[in-house]
Amino acid sequence: MEVILTADVKGHGKKGDIVKVSDGYARNFILPKKLGLEATPKNLNDLKLQKAAEAKRAQELLEEAQALAASIAEKSITLRVKTGEGGRTFGSVSTKEIAQALRDQLSLEIDKKKLVLAEPLKNLGTFTVPVKLHPKVTAELKVKVDEL
């Protein structure tokens, strides 16, 4: 029997896959637990329409991320921190402070987890911080660290 999976089934496939399983397995396990639907022409058509809608939504998200990346690339933010001798900062600038500065200075809501810092910023100067907006889109944000 052919079944359209509505959830991941270990050893058989992922959600949205059309798999061939034995009649008993389908009747006794997959269908009662709502892990799949019988592959009727109506259900196959519904699956096709659903995949098309998901692809369209994914394309829209990609375009939004690209537009946001373009706007971020032409802007920069400034952070002011206490410093000691030699331009070393007391503490460091982390993704949390950068996300807060984005919110305050540019009115952009970007999650701190999307900011990719190899290590916290501990010196004064201008740094380029990658911002992962989408799996295929990474923006470059200029962060200037000044002393108070």
Foldseek 3Di string as FASTA:
>chain_A
DWWQFCAADPPFGGHRDIGDDDPCCCVPPCVVVVRTGHPDVVVVVVSVVVVVVVVVVVVVLVVVLVVVLVVQQVDAFEAAFAADPPQWGDDFAALVNVQVRCCVPVVDRADSVQWDDPDTHGGFAKDWIWGRSDPVDIHTYIYGYHYD
